[in-house]
Structure formats: structure tokens, C-alpha cells
């Protein structure tokens, strides 16, 4: 039982908001706005140039954000509290 408690205690949550990230992905995801917000400038530029991987990359990111597995540039999870 203590191993489970230790594993959940090590999870770091980002100071970036879950709702703004999700909304940016939904409305401006093809331009990589959610990636810029999360501090992922390099992949944000790639999304901007490819229009979100022709929408596929945006859809995948939206799902990853919605389930709470999206990380910011520091490797911390952006998830609902």
C-alpha cells in the first residue's frame, strides 16, 4: 500500500491551467496555441507550420489533455485539480 502512496506523491502538477490549455487546443489547436501556452515552443512552431499536423496532431493533443496526461515544458502534468 505504501508503494501506491509513494507513486502518487511523486507526480508534479504544472502551474498552467487545465481549462485554458483545453480551450486553446480546441479553438486554436491547429496553430499550436496550447503548446506555446505550455512552454513547448519548438513543437508549437511545428504545429503552426503544419496546421496541427493537418488536424490529426491537434485531435491527439486534445485527447491527451482531456485525460490529464499532457505535460508542460518542465515535464509536469497539466491536469484538473
N, C-alpha and C. Protein backbone atom coordinates (compact mmCIF):
# COMPACT_ATOMS: atom_id res chain seq x y z
N UNK A 1 0.81 -1.19 0.00
CA UNK A 1 0.00 0.00 0.00
C UNK A 1 0.86 1.25 0.00
N UNK A 2 1.99 1.21 0.67
CA UNK A 2 2.85 2.40 0.73
C UNK A 2 3.48 2.72 -0.62
N UNK A 3 3.66 1.69 -1.48
CA UNK A 3 4.22 1.94 -2.80
C UNK A 3 3.26 2.77 -3.65
N UNK A 4 1.98 2.54 -3.51
CA UNK A 4 0.99 3.30 -4.26
C UNK A 4 0.99 4.74 -3.80
N UNK A 5 1.07 4.97 -2.51
CA UNK A 5 1.09 6.32 -1.97
C UNK A 5 2.35 7.06 -2.41
N UNK A 6 3.48 6.37 -2.45
CA UNK A 6 4.73 6.99 -2.89
C UNK A 6 4.66 7.38 -4.36
N UNK A 7 4.07 6.51 -5.19
CA UNK A 7 3.99 6.78 -6.62
C UNK A 7 3.12 8.01 -6.90
N UNK A 8 2.02 8.16 -6.19
CA UNK A 8 1.15 9.31 -6.43
C UNK A 8 1.71 10.58 -5.83
N UNK A 9 2.54 10.46 -4.81
CA UNK A 9 3.13 11.64 -4.18
C UNK A 9 4.20 12.27 -5.07
N UNK A 10 4.81 11.49 -5.97
CA UNK A 10 5.88 11.98 -6.83
C UNK A 10 5.37 12.72 -8.06
N UNK A 11 4.08 12.66 -8.34
CA UNK A 11 3.52 13.32 -9.51
C UNK A 11 3.50 14.83 -9.29
N UNK A 12 4.13 15.55 -10.20
CA UNK A 12 4.17 17.00 -10.09
C UNK A 12 3.13 17.60 -11.04
N UNK A 13 2.34 18.53 -10.51
CA UNK A 13 1.30 19.18 -11.31
C UNK A 13 1.78 20.56 -11.70
N UNK A 14 1.58 20.90 -12.95
CA UNK A 14 2.02 22.18 -13.50
C UNK A 14 1.20 23.33 -12.95
N UNK A 15 1.78 24.52 -12.99
CA UNK A 15 1.04 25.72 -12.60
C UNK A 15 0.19 26.24 -13.76
N UNK A 16 0.33 25.65 -14.94
CA UNK A 16 -0.51 26.00 -16.09
C UNK A 16 -1.91 25.43 -15.87
N UNK A 17 -2.92 26.17 -16.27
CA UNK A 17 -4.29 25.75 -16.05
C UNK A 17 -4.76 24.69 -17.02
N UNK A 18 -5.57 23.78 -16.50
CA UNK A 18 -6.13 22.71 -17.32
C UNK A 18 -7.15 23.26 -18.33
N UNK A 19 -8.08 24.08 -17.84
CA UNK A 19 -9.15 24.61 -18.70
C UNK A 19 -8.59 25.50 -19.81
N UNK A 20 -7.67 26.45 -19.50
CA UNK A 20 -7.12 27.25 -20.61
C UNK A 20 -6.39 26.40 -21.65
N UNK A 21 -5.67 25.38 -21.20
CA UNK A 21 -4.96 24.51 -22.14
C UNK A 21 -5.94 23.77 -23.04
N UNK A 22 -7.00 23.25 -22.44
CA UNK A 22 -8.00 22.50 -23.20
C UNK A 22 -8.72 23.42 -24.20
N UNK A 23 -9.09 24.62 -23.76
CA UNK A 23 -9.78 25.56 -24.65
C UNK A 23 -8.88 26.06 -25.78
N UNK A 24 -7.62 26.32 -25.46
CA UNK A 24 -6.68 26.74 -26.50
C UNK A 24 -6.51 25.65 -27.55
N UNK A 25 -6.45 24.40 -27.09
CA UNK A 25 -6.32 23.29 -28.03
C UNK A 25 -7.57 23.17 -28.90
N UNK A 26 -8.74 23.33 -28.29
CA UNK A 26 -9.99 23.18 -29.04
C UNK A 26 -10.17 24.27 -30.08
N UNK A 27 -9.93 25.53 -29.69
CA UNK A 27 -10.20 26.65 -30.60
C UNK A 27 -9.01 27.05 -31.48
N UNK A 28 -7.79 26.95 -30.95
CA UNK A 28 -6.61 27.38 -31.70
C UNK A 28 -5.55 26.29 -31.83
N UNK A 29 -5.97 25.05 -31.67
CA UNK A 29 -5.03 23.93 -31.70
C UNK A 29 -4.28 23.78 -33.00
N UNK A 30 -4.90 24.13 -34.10
CA UNK A 30 -4.23 23.99 -35.39
C UNK A 30 -3.04 24.94 -35.52
N UNK A 31 -3.03 25.98 -34.67
CA UNK A 31 -1.92 26.93 -34.68
C UNK A 31 -0.93 26.65 -33.55
N UNK A 32 -1.17 25.60 -32.77
CA UNK A 32 -0.26 25.22 -31.69
C UNK A 32 -0.34 26.11 -30.47
N UNK A 33 -1.42 26.84 -30.28
CA UNK A 33 -1.53 27.79 -29.17
C UNK A 33 -1.37 27.12 -27.81
N UNK A 34 -1.92 25.92 -27.65
CA UNK A 34 -1.81 25.22 -26.37
C UNK A 34 -0.37 24.80 -26.09
N UNK A 35 0.38 24.51 -27.14
CA UNK A 35 1.79 24.15 -26.96
C UNK A 35 2.62 25.37 -26.56
N UNK A 36 2.34 26.51 -27.17
CA UNK A 36 3.02 27.74 -26.77
C UNK A 36 2.69 28.08 -25.32
N UNK A 37 1.43 27.92 -24.94
CA UNK A 37 0.99 28.18 -23.56
C UNK A 37 1.72 27.28 -22.57
N UNK A 38 1.93 26.02 -22.94
CA UNK A 38 2.59 25.06 -22.05
C UNK A 38 4.11 25.23 -22.06
N UNK A 39 4.63 26.13 -22.89
CA UNK A 39 6.07 26.37 -22.93
C UNK A 39 6.82 25.50 -23.92
N UNK A 40 6.11 24.75 -24.73
CA UNK A 40 6.72 23.88 -25.74
C UNK A 40 6.81 24.64 -27.06
N UNK A 41 7.76 25.55 -27.12
CA UNK A 41 7.88 26.46 -28.26
C UNK A 41 8.23 25.72 -29.56
N UNK A 42 9.14 24.79 -29.49
CA UNK A 42 9.58 24.06 -30.68
C UNK A 42 8.45 23.30 -31.36
N UNK A 43 7.71 22.52 -30.59
CA UNK A 43 6.60 21.77 -31.18
C UNK A 43 5.44 22.70 -31.51
N UNK A 44 5.34 23.83 -30.81
CA UNK A 44 4.33 24.82 -31.16
C UNK A 44 4.57 25.38 -32.55
N UNK A 45 5.83 25.66 -32.87
CA UNK A 45 6.19 26.16 -34.20
C UNK A 45 5.90 25.10 -35.26
N UNK A 46 6.23 23.83 -34.95
CA UNK A 46 5.93 22.75 -35.90
C UNK A 46 4.43 22.63 -36.16
N UNK A 47 3.64 22.76 -35.10
CA UNK A 47 2.19 22.70 -35.29
C UNK A 47 1.70 23.88 -36.10
N UNK A 48 2.29 25.03 -35.88
CA UNK A 48 1.91 26.24 -36.63
C UNK A 48 2.20 26.05 -38.12
N UNK A 49 3.35 25.49 -38.44
CA UNK A 49 3.76 25.31 -39.83
C UNK A 49 2.96 24.21 -40.56
N UNK A 50 2.50 23.20 -39.80
CA UNK A 50 1.78 22.08 -40.42
C UNK A 50 0.28 22.13 -40.16
N UNK A 51 -0.18 23.26 -39.59
CA UNK A 51 -1.59 23.41 -39.21
C UNK A 51 -2.04 22.24 -38.33
N UNK A 52 -1.27 22.02 -37.27
CA UNK A 52 -1.63 20.98 -36.31
C UNK A 52 -1.52 19.58 -36.87
N UNK A 53 -0.54 19.37 -37.72
CA UNK A 53 -0.40 18.06 -38.35
C UNK A 53 -1.63 17.70 -39.14
N UNK A 54 -2.16 18.73 -39.86
CA UNK A 54 -3.38 18.60 -40.67
C UNK A 54 -4.57 18.19 -39.81
N UNK A 55 -4.55 18.61 -38.54
CA UNK A 55 -5.67 18.37 -37.63
C UNK A 55 -5.54 17.11 -36.80
N UNK A 56 -4.73 16.18 -37.27
CA UNK A 56 -4.58 14.90 -36.56
C UNK A 56 -3.84 15.11 -35.24
N UNK A 57 -2.75 15.84 -35.28
CA UNK A 57 -1.94 16.12 -34.10
C UNK A 57 -2.77 16.89 -33.08
N UNK A 58 -3.59 17.81 -33.54
CA UNK A 58 -4.45 18.59 -32.65
C UNK A 58 -5.46 17.69 -31.95
N UNK A 59 -6.06 16.78 -32.68
CA UNK A 59 -7.03 15.86 -32.09
C UNK A 59 -6.38 14.97 -31.04
N UNK A 60 -5.20 14.47 -31.33
CA UNK A 60 -4.48 13.63 -30.38
C UNK A 60 -4.13 14.43 -29.13
N UNK A 61 -3.64 15.66 -29.30
CA UNK A 61 -3.32 16.51 -28.15
C UNK A 61 -4.56 16.80 -27.32
N UNK A 62 -5.70 17.04 -27.97
CA UNK A 62 -6.93 17.32 -27.24
C UNK A 62 -7.30 16.14 -26.34
N UNK A 63 -7.18 14.95 -26.86
CA UNK A 63 -7.49 13.75 -26.07
C UNK A 63 -6.51 13.60 -24.91
N UNK A 64 -5.23 13.81 -25.19
CA UNK A 64 -4.20 13.69 -24.14
C UNK A 64 -4.44 14.73 -23.04
N UNK A 65 -4.80 15.94 -23.41
CA UNK A 65 -5.09 16.98 -22.41
C UNK A 65 -6.33 16.59 -21.61
N UNK A 66 -7.37 16.12 -22.28
CA UNK A 66 -8.63 15.79 -21.61
C UNK A 66 -8.48 14.69 -20.57
N UNK A 67 -7.60 13.72 -20.83
CA UNK A 67 -7.41 12.63 -19.87
C UNK A 67 -6.37 12.97 -18.81
N UNK A 68 -5.71 14.12 -18.93
CA UNK A 68 -4.77 14.57 -17.90
C UNK A 68 -3.36 14.06 -18.05
N UNK A 69 -2.97 13.68 -19.26
CA UNK A 69 -1.62 13.16 -19.49
C UNK A 69 -0.69 14.13 -20.19
N UNK A 70 -1.15 15.35 -20.48
CA UNK A 70 -0.35 16.34 -21.19
C UNK A 70 0.63 16.99 -20.21
N UNK A 71 1.87 17.16 -20.62
CA UNK A 71 2.90 17.74 -19.76
C UNK A 71 3.35 19.08 -20.31
N UNK A 72 3.79 19.96 -19.41
CA UNK A 72 4.34 21.25 -19.83
C UNK A 72 5.82 21.08 -20.17
N UNK A 73 6.50 22.17 -20.43
CA UNK A 73 7.90 22.11 -20.85
C UNK A 73 8.82 21.62 -19.73
N UNK A 74 8.37 21.65 -18.49
CA UNK A 74 9.17 21.18 -17.36
C UNK A 74 8.88 19.73 -17.00
N UNK A 75 7.99 19.09 -17.77
CA UNK A 75 7.65 17.69 -17.52
C UNK A 75 6.60 17.51 -16.45
N UNK A 76 5.92 18.57 -16.05
CA UNK A 76 4.86 18.48 -15.05
C UNK A 76 3.52 18.32 -15.74
N UNK A 77 2.65 17.51 -15.15
CA UNK A 77 1.34 17.23 -15.75
C UNK A 77 0.43 18.44 -15.63
N UNK A 78 -0.29 18.72 -16.73
CA UNK A 78 -1.34 19.73 -16.73
C UNK A 78 -2.64 18.97 -16.60
N UNK A 79 -3.21 18.98 -15.41
CA UNK A 79 -4.42 18.21 -15.17
C UNK A 79 -5.37 18.98 -14.28
N UNK A 80 -6.64 18.56 -14.30
CA UNK A 80 -7.65 19.21 -13.47
C UNK A 80 -7.37 18.87 -12.01
N UNK A 81 -7.62 19.81 -11.14
CA UNK A 81 -7.35 19.58 -9.71
C UNK A 81 -8.37 18.71 -9.07
